[in-house]
N, C-alpha and C. Protein backbone atom coordinates (compact mmCIF):
# COMPACT_ATOMS: atom_id res chain seq x y z
N MET A 1 0.90 -1.32 -0.14
CA MET A 1 0.06 0.03 -0.03
C MET A 1 0.92 1.09 -0.18
N ALA A 2 0.65 2.31 -0.93
CA ALA A 2 1.36 3.47 -1.16
C ALA A 2 1.26 4.41 0.06
N ALA A 3 2.24 5.15 0.42
CA ALA A 3 1.90 6.10 1.65
C ALA A 3 0.92 7.05 1.26
N ALA A 4 0.16 7.59 2.18
CA ALA A 4 -0.87 8.48 1.94
C ALA A 4 -0.13 9.88 1.69
N THR A 5 -0.59 10.62 1.13
CA THR A 5 -0.19 12.00 1.08
C THR A 5 -1.41 12.86 0.48
N ASP A 6 -1.09 14.26 0.91
CA ASP A 6 -2.26 14.98 0.55
C ASP A 6 -2.82 14.96 -1.02
N SER A 7 -1.88 14.57 -1.80
CA SER A 7 -2.34 14.83 -3.40
C SER A 7 -2.98 13.43 -3.66
N THR A 8 -2.81 12.35 -2.74
CA THR A 8 -3.14 11.09 -3.18
C THR A 8 -4.30 10.42 -2.48
N THR A 9 -4.86 11.22 -1.36
CA THR A 9 -5.75 10.56 -0.22
C THR A 9 -6.71 11.98 -0.17
N ASN A 10 -8.09 11.34 -0.48
CA ASN A 10 -9.11 12.41 -0.13
C ASN A 10 -9.56 12.26 1.45
N LEU A 11 -10.45 13.16 1.50
CA LEU A 11 -11.11 13.82 2.89
C LEU A 11 -11.98 12.28 3.28
N ALA A 12 -12.54 12.07 2.63
CA ALA A 12 -13.64 10.83 2.88
C ALA A 12 -12.89 9.58 3.25
N GLU A 13 -11.64 9.44 2.61
CA GLU A 13 -10.66 8.23 3.11
C GLU A 13 -10.12 8.48 4.41
N LEU A 14 -9.92 9.52 4.41
CA LEU A 14 -9.31 9.90 6.11
C LEU A 14 -10.16 9.80 6.99
N LYS A 15 -11.53 10.37 7.06
CA LYS A 15 -12.59 10.14 7.77
C LYS A 15 -12.81 8.63 7.91
N GLY A 16 -12.89 7.86 7.01
CA GLY A 16 -13.27 6.45 7.01
C GLY A 16 -11.93 5.70 8.04
N ARG A 17 -10.74 6.08 7.70
CA ARG A 17 -9.78 5.47 8.32
C ARG A 17 -9.67 5.95 10.02
N VAL A 18 -10.20 7.07 10.20
CA VAL A 18 -10.17 7.46 11.57
C VAL A 18 -11.31 6.72 12.10
N LEU A 19 -12.55 6.79 11.40
CA LEU A 19 -13.50 6.05 12.03
C LEU A 19 -13.43 4.61 12.40
N ALA A 20 -12.65 3.93 11.35
CA ALA A 20 -12.18 2.33 11.55
C ALA A 20 -11.49 2.26 12.63
N PHE A 21 -10.37 3.00 12.88
CA PHE A 21 -9.46 3.22 14.04
C PHE A 21 -10.17 3.01 15.17
N ALA A 22 -11.09 3.96 15.43
CA ALA A 22 -11.90 4.26 16.54
C ALA A 22 -12.56 2.85 16.77
N ARG A 23 -13.34 2.41 15.85
CA ARG A 23 -14.47 1.41 15.93
C ARG A 23 -13.64 -0.15 16.34
N GLU A 24 -12.56 -0.23 15.62
CA GLU A 24 -11.51 -1.47 16.09
C GLU A 24 -11.38 -1.51 17.47
N ARG A 25 -11.21 -0.38 18.21
CA ARG A 25 -10.85 -0.47 19.52
C ARG A 25 -11.98 -0.14 20.55
N ASP A 26 -13.17 -0.02 20.07
CA ASP A 26 -14.51 0.05 20.63
C ASP A 26 -14.33 1.44 21.46
N TRP A 27 -13.95 2.52 20.96
CA TRP A 27 -13.54 3.87 21.59
C TRP A 27 -14.71 4.55 21.28
N GLU A 28 -15.89 4.36 20.27
CA GLU A 28 -16.95 5.22 19.91
C GLU A 28 -17.59 5.64 21.06
N GLN A 29 -17.72 4.53 22.07
CA GLN A 29 -18.19 4.94 23.31
C GLN A 29 -17.93 6.23 23.93
N PHE A 30 -16.73 6.53 24.01
CA PHE A 30 -15.81 7.73 24.49
C PHE A 30 -16.06 8.78 23.78
N HIS A 31 -16.34 8.92 22.48
CA HIS A 31 -16.32 10.05 21.64
C HIS A 31 -17.53 10.51 21.50
N ALA A 32 -18.09 11.16 22.55
CA ALA A 32 -18.96 12.17 22.45
C ALA A 32 -18.55 13.45 22.02
N PRO A 33 -19.29 14.34 21.22
CA PRO A 33 -18.85 15.33 20.97
C PRO A 33 -18.18 16.36 21.93
N LYS A 34 -18.79 16.45 23.13
CA LYS A 34 -18.24 17.28 24.32
C LYS A 34 -16.70 16.67 24.52
N ASN A 35 -16.56 15.33 24.40
CA ASN A 35 -15.06 14.84 24.86
C ASN A 35 -14.14 15.15 23.54
N LEU A 36 -14.68 14.90 22.32
CA LEU A 36 -13.91 15.08 21.17
C LEU A 36 -13.47 16.73 21.25
N SER A 37 -14.36 17.44 21.45
CA SER A 37 -14.08 18.99 21.28
C SER A 37 -12.89 19.26 22.42
N MET A 38 -12.92 18.59 23.57
CA MET A 38 -11.98 18.90 24.58
C MET A 38 -10.46 18.34 24.07
N ALA A 39 -10.85 16.81 23.67
CA ALA A 39 -9.43 16.46 23.25
C ALA A 39 -8.77 17.01 21.94
N LEU A 40 -9.62 17.74 21.08
CA LEU A 40 -8.98 18.53 20.22
C LEU A 40 -8.39 19.91 20.68
N ALA A 41 -9.04 20.57 21.73
CA ALA A 41 -8.66 21.75 22.33
C ALA A 41 -7.05 21.40 22.97
N ALA A 42 -7.20 20.14 23.79
CA ALA A 42 -5.93 19.61 24.07
C ALA A 42 -4.68 19.29 23.28
N GLU A 43 -4.97 18.82 22.30
CA GLU A 43 -4.03 18.51 21.36
C GLU A 43 -3.53 19.96 20.53
N ALA A 44 -4.34 20.86 20.36
CA ALA A 44 -4.08 22.01 19.92
C ALA A 44 -3.16 22.71 20.51
N GLY A 45 -3.51 22.90 21.87
CA GLY A 45 -2.37 23.28 23.09
C GLY A 45 -0.95 22.55 22.90
N GLU A 46 -0.73 21.15 22.64
CA GLU A 46 0.09 20.44 22.48
C GLU A 46 0.93 21.18 21.33
N LEU A 47 0.20 21.21 20.19
CA LEU A 47 0.74 21.78 19.06
C LEU A 47 1.48 23.30 19.51
N MET A 48 0.51 23.95 19.94
CA MET A 48 0.90 25.49 20.27
C MET A 48 2.42 25.48 21.26
N GLU A 49 2.61 24.26 22.00
CA GLU A 49 3.48 24.52 23.03
C GLU A 49 4.92 24.49 22.28
N HIS A 50 5.02 23.90 21.14
CA HIS A 50 6.30 23.84 20.31
C HIS A 50 6.60 25.23 20.05
N PHE A 51 5.90 26.25 20.00
CA PHE A 51 6.02 27.48 19.80
C PHE A 51 6.19 28.61 20.80
N LEU A 52 5.72 27.93 22.02
CA LEU A 52 5.69 28.98 23.18
C LEU A 52 7.01 29.82 23.24
N TRP A 53 6.72 31.09 23.42
CA TRP A 53 7.81 31.91 23.86
C TRP A 53 8.68 32.28 22.53
N SER A 54 8.35 31.82 21.40
CA SER A 54 9.14 32.12 20.22
C SER A 54 8.70 33.03 19.42
N THR A 55 9.72 33.69 18.66
CA THR A 55 9.22 34.78 17.97
C THR A 55 8.79 34.42 16.53
N PRO A 56 8.18 35.22 15.92
CA PRO A 56 7.72 34.61 14.51
C PRO A 56 8.78 34.00 13.74
N GLU A 57 9.64 34.73 13.66
CA GLU A 57 10.96 34.16 12.90
C GLU A 57 11.30 32.62 13.30
N ALA A 58 11.41 32.72 14.58
CA ALA A 58 12.08 31.26 15.29
C ALA A 58 10.87 30.36 14.94
N SER A 59 9.68 30.48 14.88
CA SER A 59 8.78 29.41 14.65
C SER A 59 8.72 28.86 13.42
N CYS A 60 9.23 29.73 12.35
CA CYS A 60 9.44 29.35 11.23
C CYS A 60 10.79 28.27 11.08
N ALA A 61 11.68 28.80 11.90
CA ALA A 61 12.97 27.86 11.86
C ALA A 61 12.62 26.53 12.43
N HIS A 62 11.77 26.58 13.57
CA HIS A 62 11.31 25.32 14.22
C HIS A 62 10.64 24.38 13.06
N VAL A 63 9.54 24.81 12.38
CA VAL A 63 9.27 23.90 11.23
C VAL A 63 10.11 23.52 10.24
N ALA A 64 11.23 24.42 10.15
CA ALA A 64 12.17 23.75 8.98
C ALA A 64 13.39 22.85 9.44
N ASP A 65 13.44 22.85 10.88
CA ASP A 65 14.30 21.90 11.60
C ASP A 65 13.51 20.30 11.39
N PRO A 66 14.47 19.64 10.77
CA PRO A 66 13.85 18.32 10.50
C PRO A 66 13.24 17.46 11.84
N VAL A 67 14.10 17.41 13.07
CA VAL A 67 13.57 16.97 14.36
C VAL A 67 12.58 17.61 14.87
N LYS A 68 12.53 18.91 15.01
CA LYS A 68 11.19 19.68 15.44
C LYS A 68 9.99 19.49 14.57
N ARG A 69 10.23 19.35 13.41
CA ARG A 69 9.03 19.32 12.25
C ARG A 69 8.40 17.90 12.57
N ALA A 70 9.26 16.92 12.73
CA ALA A 70 8.66 15.51 13.06
C ALA A 70 7.70 15.52 14.38
N LYS A 71 8.03 16.32 15.37
CA LYS A 71 7.25 16.45 16.53
C LYS A 71 6.05 17.17 16.20
N ILE A 72 6.38 18.15 15.50
CA ILE A 72 5.21 19.18 15.11
C ILE A 72 4.14 18.53 14.19
N ALA A 73 4.63 17.65 13.23
CA ALA A 73 3.60 17.01 12.23
C ALA A 73 2.74 16.14 13.11
N GLU A 74 3.62 15.35 14.26
CA GLU A 74 2.57 14.42 15.07
C GLU A 74 1.44 15.14 15.64
N GLU A 75 1.87 16.39 16.17
CA GLU A 75 0.89 16.98 17.20
C GLU A 75 -0.16 17.53 16.04
N LEU A 76 0.02 18.11 15.02
CA LEU A 76 -0.86 18.40 13.90
C LEU A 76 -1.80 17.31 13.47
N ALA A 77 -1.02 16.12 13.28
CA ALA A 77 -1.89 15.09 13.02
C ALA A 77 -3.02 14.76 14.05
N ASP A 78 -2.42 14.57 15.38
CA ASP A 78 -3.55 14.59 16.32
C ASP A 78 -4.56 15.57 16.12
N VAL A 79 -4.55 16.86 15.95
CA VAL A 79 -5.59 17.70 15.96
C VAL A 79 -6.39 17.57 14.97
N VAL A 80 -5.91 16.89 13.65
CA VAL A 80 -6.54 16.85 12.59
C VAL A 80 -7.52 15.28 12.76
N ILE A 81 -6.82 14.48 13.51
CA ILE A 81 -7.55 13.42 13.73
C ILE A 81 -8.67 13.43 14.64
N TYR A 82 -8.49 14.27 15.53
CA TYR A 82 -9.64 14.70 16.55
C TYR A 82 -10.70 15.29 15.81
N ALA A 83 -10.22 16.17 14.90
CA ALA A 83 -11.10 17.21 14.12
C ALA A 83 -12.10 16.15 13.32
N LEU A 84 -11.48 15.15 12.48
CA LEU A 84 -12.25 14.33 11.90
C LEU A 84 -13.16 13.31 12.57
N GLU A 85 -12.83 12.91 13.64
CA GLU A 85 -13.28 12.14 14.51
C GLU A 85 -14.67 13.05 14.83
N PHE A 86 -14.37 14.03 15.27
CA PHE A 86 -15.58 14.88 15.74
C PHE A 86 -16.71 14.96 14.68
N ALA A 87 -16.11 15.35 13.39
CA ALA A 87 -16.99 15.50 12.04
C ALA A 87 -17.53 13.97 12.01
N ASN A 88 -16.99 12.94 12.12
CA ASN A 88 -17.72 11.78 12.05
C ASN A 88 -19.03 11.50 13.17
N VAL A 89 -18.52 11.85 14.15
CA VAL A 89 -19.81 11.83 15.27
C VAL A 89 -20.79 12.81 15.15
N ALA A 90 -20.42 13.93 14.87
CA ALA A 90 -21.34 15.20 14.47
C ALA A 90 -22.18 14.99 13.14
N GLN A 91 -21.44 14.02 12.27
CA GLN A 91 -22.09 13.96 10.70
C GLN A 91 -22.04 15.26 10.54
N ILE A 92 -20.88 15.85 10.24
CA ILE A 92 -20.54 17.00 9.58
C ILE A 92 -19.66 16.83 8.19
N ASP A 93 -20.40 17.22 7.26
CA ASP A 93 -19.55 17.35 5.95
C ASP A 93 -18.36 18.47 6.10
N VAL A 94 -17.33 17.81 6.19
CA VAL A 94 -16.04 18.71 6.29
C VAL A 94 -15.90 19.63 5.37
N ALA A 95 -15.87 19.26 4.02
CA ALA A 95 -15.71 20.05 3.05
C ALA A 95 -16.67 21.11 2.64
N ALA A 96 -18.02 20.53 3.00
CA ALA A 96 -19.13 21.61 2.71
C ALA A 96 -18.97 22.70 3.97
N ALA A 97 -18.79 22.37 5.01
CA ALA A 97 -18.31 23.35 5.95
C ALA A 97 -17.53 24.19 5.93
N ILE A 98 -16.44 23.86 5.32
CA ILE A 98 -15.12 24.52 5.00
C ILE A 98 -15.55 25.50 3.81
N GLU A 99 -16.21 24.88 2.80
CA GLU A 99 -16.84 25.59 1.81
C GLU A 99 -17.76 26.96 2.07
N ALA A 100 -18.78 26.56 3.19
CA ALA A 100 -19.43 27.56 3.81
C ALA A 100 -18.67 28.62 4.27
N LYS A 101 -17.82 28.42 5.29
CA LYS A 101 -17.26 29.24 6.13
C LYS A 101 -16.21 30.13 5.27
N MET A 102 -15.67 29.56 4.23
CA MET A 102 -14.65 30.25 3.42
C MET A 102 -15.67 31.25 2.74
N ALA A 103 -16.99 31.12 2.25
CA ALA A 103 -17.68 32.13 1.61
C ALA A 103 -18.34 33.06 2.47
N ALA A 104 -18.36 32.58 3.75
CA ALA A 104 -18.84 33.81 4.68
C ALA A 104 -17.66 34.72 5.04
N ASN A 105 -16.48 34.09 5.13
CA ASN A 105 -15.29 34.88 5.20
C ASN A 105 -14.96 35.74 4.31
N ALA A 106 -15.09 35.24 3.23
CA ALA A 106 -14.87 36.16 2.10
C ALA A 106 -15.98 37.29 2.08
N LEU A 107 -17.21 37.19 2.62
CA LEU A 107 -17.98 38.52 2.88
C LEU A 107 -17.46 39.39 3.83
N LYS A 108 -17.08 38.94 4.94
CA LYS A 108 -16.59 39.54 6.00
C LYS A 108 -15.17 40.19 5.93
N TYR A 109 -14.50 39.50 4.87
CA TYR A 109 -13.15 40.15 4.72
C TYR A 109 -12.72 40.47 3.24
N PRO A 110 -13.53 41.19 2.59
CA PRO A 110 -13.29 41.48 1.03
C PRO A 110 -11.97 42.00 1.06
N VAL A 111 -11.44 41.33 -0.24
CA VAL A 111 -9.83 41.67 -0.53
C VAL A 111 -9.75 43.20 -0.49
N GLU A 112 -10.39 44.15 -0.91
CA GLU A 112 -10.26 45.57 -0.86
C GLU A 112 -10.16 45.97 0.30
N LYS A 113 -10.76 45.38 1.53
CA LYS A 113 -10.59 46.13 2.73
C LYS A 113 -9.52 45.48 3.47
N ALA A 114 -9.37 44.08 3.38
CA ALA A 114 -8.77 43.13 4.22
C ALA A 114 -7.43 43.03 3.59
N LYS A 115 -6.93 43.07 2.41
CA LYS A 115 -5.58 42.74 2.02
C LYS A 115 -4.50 43.51 2.72
N GLY A 116 -3.41 42.35 3.29
CA GLY A 116 -2.57 43.06 4.15
C GLY A 116 -2.67 43.43 5.41
N ARG A 117 -3.80 43.18 5.93
CA ARG A 117 -4.30 43.73 7.29
C ARG A 117 -4.64 42.50 8.11
N SER A 118 -4.54 42.65 9.35
CA SER A 118 -4.70 41.56 10.27
C SER A 118 -6.03 41.81 11.24
N ASP A 119 -6.55 43.14 11.04
CA ASP A 119 -7.72 43.55 11.80
C ASP A 119 -9.14 42.72 11.60
N LYS A 120 -9.78 42.46 12.77
CA LYS A 120 -11.12 41.83 12.78
C LYS A 120 -11.86 42.62 11.68
N TYR A 121 -12.77 41.80 11.07
CA TYR A 121 -13.60 42.24 10.08
C TYR A 121 -14.41 43.37 10.89
N THR A 122 -14.84 43.71 11.95
CA THR A 122 -15.30 44.88 12.61
C THR A 122 -14.43 46.09 12.58
N GLU A 123 -13.22 45.91 12.41
CA GLU A 123 -12.32 46.88 12.16
C GLU A 123 -11.87 47.54 10.92
N LEU A 124 -12.35 46.63 10.00
CA LEU A 124 -11.98 46.94 8.64
C LEU A 124 -12.56 48.32 7.81
């Protein structure tokens, strides 16, 4: 079996693999939306920990360092796995949710007002 990559694996396949992993271990009983959202937040915190007290420039250096990058990739994988399992449990179509959110963001952050700015949409 070839290694999965972004260019060869679709979202439905990933969601299916995450669901199968949980089912094989009888973990669905623990995967209420509340628990998954908390696990997701905890894993996001572990990802952030790699950059705590770093400058923006140092954070870029961290992801370029092969050893640090591997650890960061593991934490990112944990975040995405919990997000996909949350989507499985909540029966959320991730692609449709992203598409809807991007459309809403485009309205809140029109290019002519937001380009090159980090202000919140209420401040544009």
